Amino acid sequence: MKKLNEIAQVLAVTKDKKIIEKFLESLLTKNEMNEISSRWELVKLLDNGMTQRKISDRLGLSLCKITRGSKELKKKSSAFKYMIDMHKKLFR
């Protein structure tokens, strides 16, 4: 997707996290932001070893959505795993 690639390139060179956050708030609806945030949270919980059922109870997400996140996290060269590892370096 050419347009997604353009957004990724711009975000990759933008070093100001406040500008990125404002951009995302301008681009996405409140529901879309909540959806992305809950998917990010579920991936972090999966990486920490929480069971899918507990994640479902905690976040109110379907097991189908959680299973998709789990599969993505386990893929070779997973972007989810890379981002989780970056998160750990920054916030732990």
C-alpha atoms as a PDB file:
ATOM      1  CA  MET A   1       0.000   0.000   0.000  1.00  0.00           C
ATOM      2  CA  LYS A   2       1.735   3.098  -1.251  1.00  0.00           C
ATOM      3  CA  LYS A   3      -0.123   5.514   1.030  1.00  0.00           C
ATOM      4  CA  LEU A   4       0.649   3.486   4.162  1.00  0.00           C
ATOM      5  CA  ASN A   5       4.292   3.406   3.100  1.00  0.00           C
ATOM      6  CA  GLU A   6       4.286   7.204   2.817  1.00  0.00           C
ATOM      7  CA  ILE A   7       2.880   7.567   6.332  1.00  0.00           C
ATOM      8  CA  ALA A   8       5.444   5.082   7.676  1.00  0.00           C
ATOM      9  CA  GLN A   9       8.288   7.016   6.060  1.00  0.00           C
ATOM     10  CA  VAL A  10       7.156  10.334   7.490  1.00  0.00           C
ATOM     11  CA  LEU A  11       6.690   8.847  10.974  1.00  0.00           C
ATOM     12  CA  ALA A  12      10.085   7.148  10.791  1.00  0.00           C
ATOM     13  CA  VAL A  13      11.884  10.463  10.343  1.00  0.00           C
ATOM     14  CA  THR A  14       9.756  12.467  12.763  1.00  0.00           C
ATOM     15  CA  LYS A  15      11.520  12.625  16.086  1.00  0.00           C
ATOM     16  CA  ASP A  16       8.934  14.675  17.969  1.00  0.00           C
ATOM     17  CA  LYS A  17       6.574  12.265  19.751  1.00  0.00           C
ATOM     18  CA  LYS A  18       4.098  15.060  20.550  1.00  0.00           C
ATOM     19  CA  ILE A  19       3.759  15.888  16.847  1.00  0.00           C
ATOM     20  CA  ILE A  20       3.271  12.189  16.040  1.00  0.00           C
ATOM     21  CA  GLU A  21       0.620  11.892  18.742  1.00  0.00           C
ATOM     22  CA  LYS A  22      -1.199  14.999  17.469  1.00  0.00           C
ATOM     23  CA  PHE A  23      -0.974  13.659  13.911  1.00  0.00           C
ATOM     24  CA  LEU A  24      -2.516  10.335  14.955  1.00  0.00           C
ATOM     25  CA  GLU A  25      -5.258  12.134  16.891  1.00  0.00           C
ATOM     26  CA  SER A  26      -6.017  14.195  13.779  1.00  0.00           C
ATOM     27  CA  LEU A  27      -5.928  11.207  11.455  1.00  0.00           C
ATOM     28  CA  LEU A  28      -7.883   8.687  13.517  1.00  0.00           C
ATOM     29  CA  THR A  29     -11.324   8.754  15.098  1.00  0.00           C
ATOM     30  CA  LYS A  30     -11.659   8.197  18.833  1.00  0.00           C
ATOM     31  CA  ASN A  31     -12.877   4.631  18.142  1.00  0.00           C
ATOM     32  CA  GLU A  32      -9.899   3.931  15.872  1.00  0.00           C
ATOM     33  CA  MET A  33      -7.495   5.235  18.516  1.00  0.00           C
ATOM     34  CA  ASN A  34      -9.159   3.031  21.139  1.00  0.00           C
ATOM     35  CA  GLU A  35      -8.948   0.029  18.795  1.00  0.00           C
ATOM     36  CA  ILE A  36      -5.247   0.553  18.096  1.00  0.00           C
ATOM     37  CA  SER A  37      -4.530   1.132  21.782  1.00  0.00           C
ATOM     38  CA  SER A  38      -6.307  -2.071  22.826  1.00  0.00           C
ATOM     39  CA  ARG A  39      -4.431  -4.085  20.183  1.00  0.00           C
ATOM     40  CA  TRP A  40      -1.145  -2.669  21.433  1.00  0.00           C
ATOM     41  CA  GLU A  41      -2.112  -3.558  25.004  1.00  0.00           C
ATOM     42  CA  LEU A  42      -3.083  -7.111  24.038  1.00  0.00           C
ATOM     43  CA  VAL A  43       0.263  -7.668  22.316  1.00  0.00           C
ATOM     44  CA  LYS A  44       2.122  -6.443  25.403  1.00  0.00           C
ATOM     45  CA  LEU A  45       0.053  -8.743  27.623  1.00  0.00           C
ATOM     46  CA  LEU A  46       0.653 -11.716  25.320  1.00  0.00           C
ATOM     47  CA  ASP A  47       4.378 -10.999  25.346  1.00  0.00           C
ATOM     48  CA  ASN A  48       4.264 -10.956  29.160  1.00  0.00           C
ATOM     49  CA  GLY A  49       2.719 -14.433  29.139  1.00  0.00           C
ATOM     50  CA  MET A  50      -0.900 -13.641  29.990  1.00  0.00           C
ATOM     51  CA  THR A  51      -3.379 -16.205  28.665  1.00  0.00           C
ATOM     52  CA  GLN A  52      -5.699 -15.266  25.848  1.00  0.00           C
ATOM     53  CA  ARG A  53      -8.748 -15.867  28.026  1.00  0.00           C
ATOM     54  CA  LYS A  54      -7.448 -13.537  30.752  1.00  0.00           C
ATOM     55  CA  ILE A  55      -6.697 -10.888  28.137  1.00  0.00           C
ATOM     56  CA  SER A  56     -10.220 -11.272  26.769  1.00  0.00           C
ATOM     57  CA  ASP A  57     -11.674 -10.789  30.254  1.00  0.00           C
ATOM     58  CA  ARG A  58      -9.395  -7.861  31.049  1.00  0.00           C
ATOM     59  CA  LEU A  59      -9.734  -5.926  27.775  1.00  0.00           C
ATOM     60  CA  GLY A  60     -13.150  -7.098  26.613  1.00  0.00           C
ATOM     61  CA  LEU A  61     -11.751  -8.302  23.287  1.00  0.00           C
ATOM     62  CA  SER A  62     -12.801 -11.343  21.306  1.00  0.00           C
ATOM     63  CA  LEU A  63     -10.582 -14.418  21.402  1.00  0.00           C
ATOM     64  CA  CYS A  64     -10.412 -14.171  17.603  1.00  0.00           C
ATOM     65  CA  LYS A  65      -8.732 -10.754  17.796  1.00  0.00           C
ATOM     66  CA  ILE A  66      -6.361 -11.965  20.489  1.00  0.00           C
ATOM     67  CA  THR A  67      -5.472 -15.090  18.511  1.00  0.00           C
ATOM     68  CA  ARG A  68      -4.650 -12.912  15.501  1.00  0.00           C
ATOM     69  CA  GLY A  69      -2.335 -10.820  17.675  1.00  0.00           C
ATOM     70  CA  SER A  70      -0.732 -13.975  19.053  1.00  0.00           C
ATOM     71  CA  LYS A  71      -0.080 -15.320  15.552  1.00  0.00           C
ATOM     72  CA  GLU A  72       1.428 -12.021  14.443  1.00  0.00           C
ATOM     73  CA  LEU A  73       3.669 -11.937  17.503  1.00  0.00           C
ATOM     74  CA  LYS A  74       4.989 -15.448  16.740  1.00  0.00           C
ATOM     75  CA  LYS A  75       5.807 -14.810  13.078  1.00  0.00           C
ATOM     76  CA  LYS A  76       9.420 -14.859  12.005  1.00  0.00           C
ATOM     77  CA  SER A  77      10.606 -11.241  11.725  1.00  0.00           C
ATOM     78  CA  SER A  78       7.443 -10.092  13.524  1.00  0.00           C
ATOM     79  CA  ALA A  79       6.927  -6.340  13.483  1.00  0.00           C
ATOM     80  CA  PHE A  80       4.889  -6.755  16.677  1.00  0.00           C
ATOM     81  CA  LYS A  81       7.824  -8.446  18.408  1.00  0.00           C
ATOM     82  CA  TYR A  82      10.232  -5.803  17.156  1.00  0.00           C
ATOM     83  CA  MET A  83       8.030  -2.996  18.493  1.00  0.00           C
ATOM     84  CA  ILE A  84       7.512  -4.783  21.824  1.00  0.00           C
ATOM     85  CA  ASP A  85      11.281  -5.180  22.161  1.00  0.00           C
ATOM     86  CA  MET A  86      11.740  -1.477  21.370  1.00  0.00           C
ATOM     87  CA  HIS A  87       9.097  -0.660  23.995  1.00  0.00           C
ATOM     88  CA  LYS A  88      10.979  -2.729  26.576  1.00  0.00           C
ATOM     89  CA  LYS A  89      14.226  -0.892  25.807  1.00  0.00           C
ATOM     90  CA  LEU A  90      12.552   2.487  26.179  1.00  0.00           C
ATOM     91  CA  PHE A  91      10.302   1.902  29.190  1.00  0.00           C
ATOM     92  CA  ARG A  92      11.998  -0.671  31.396  1.00  0.00           C
END
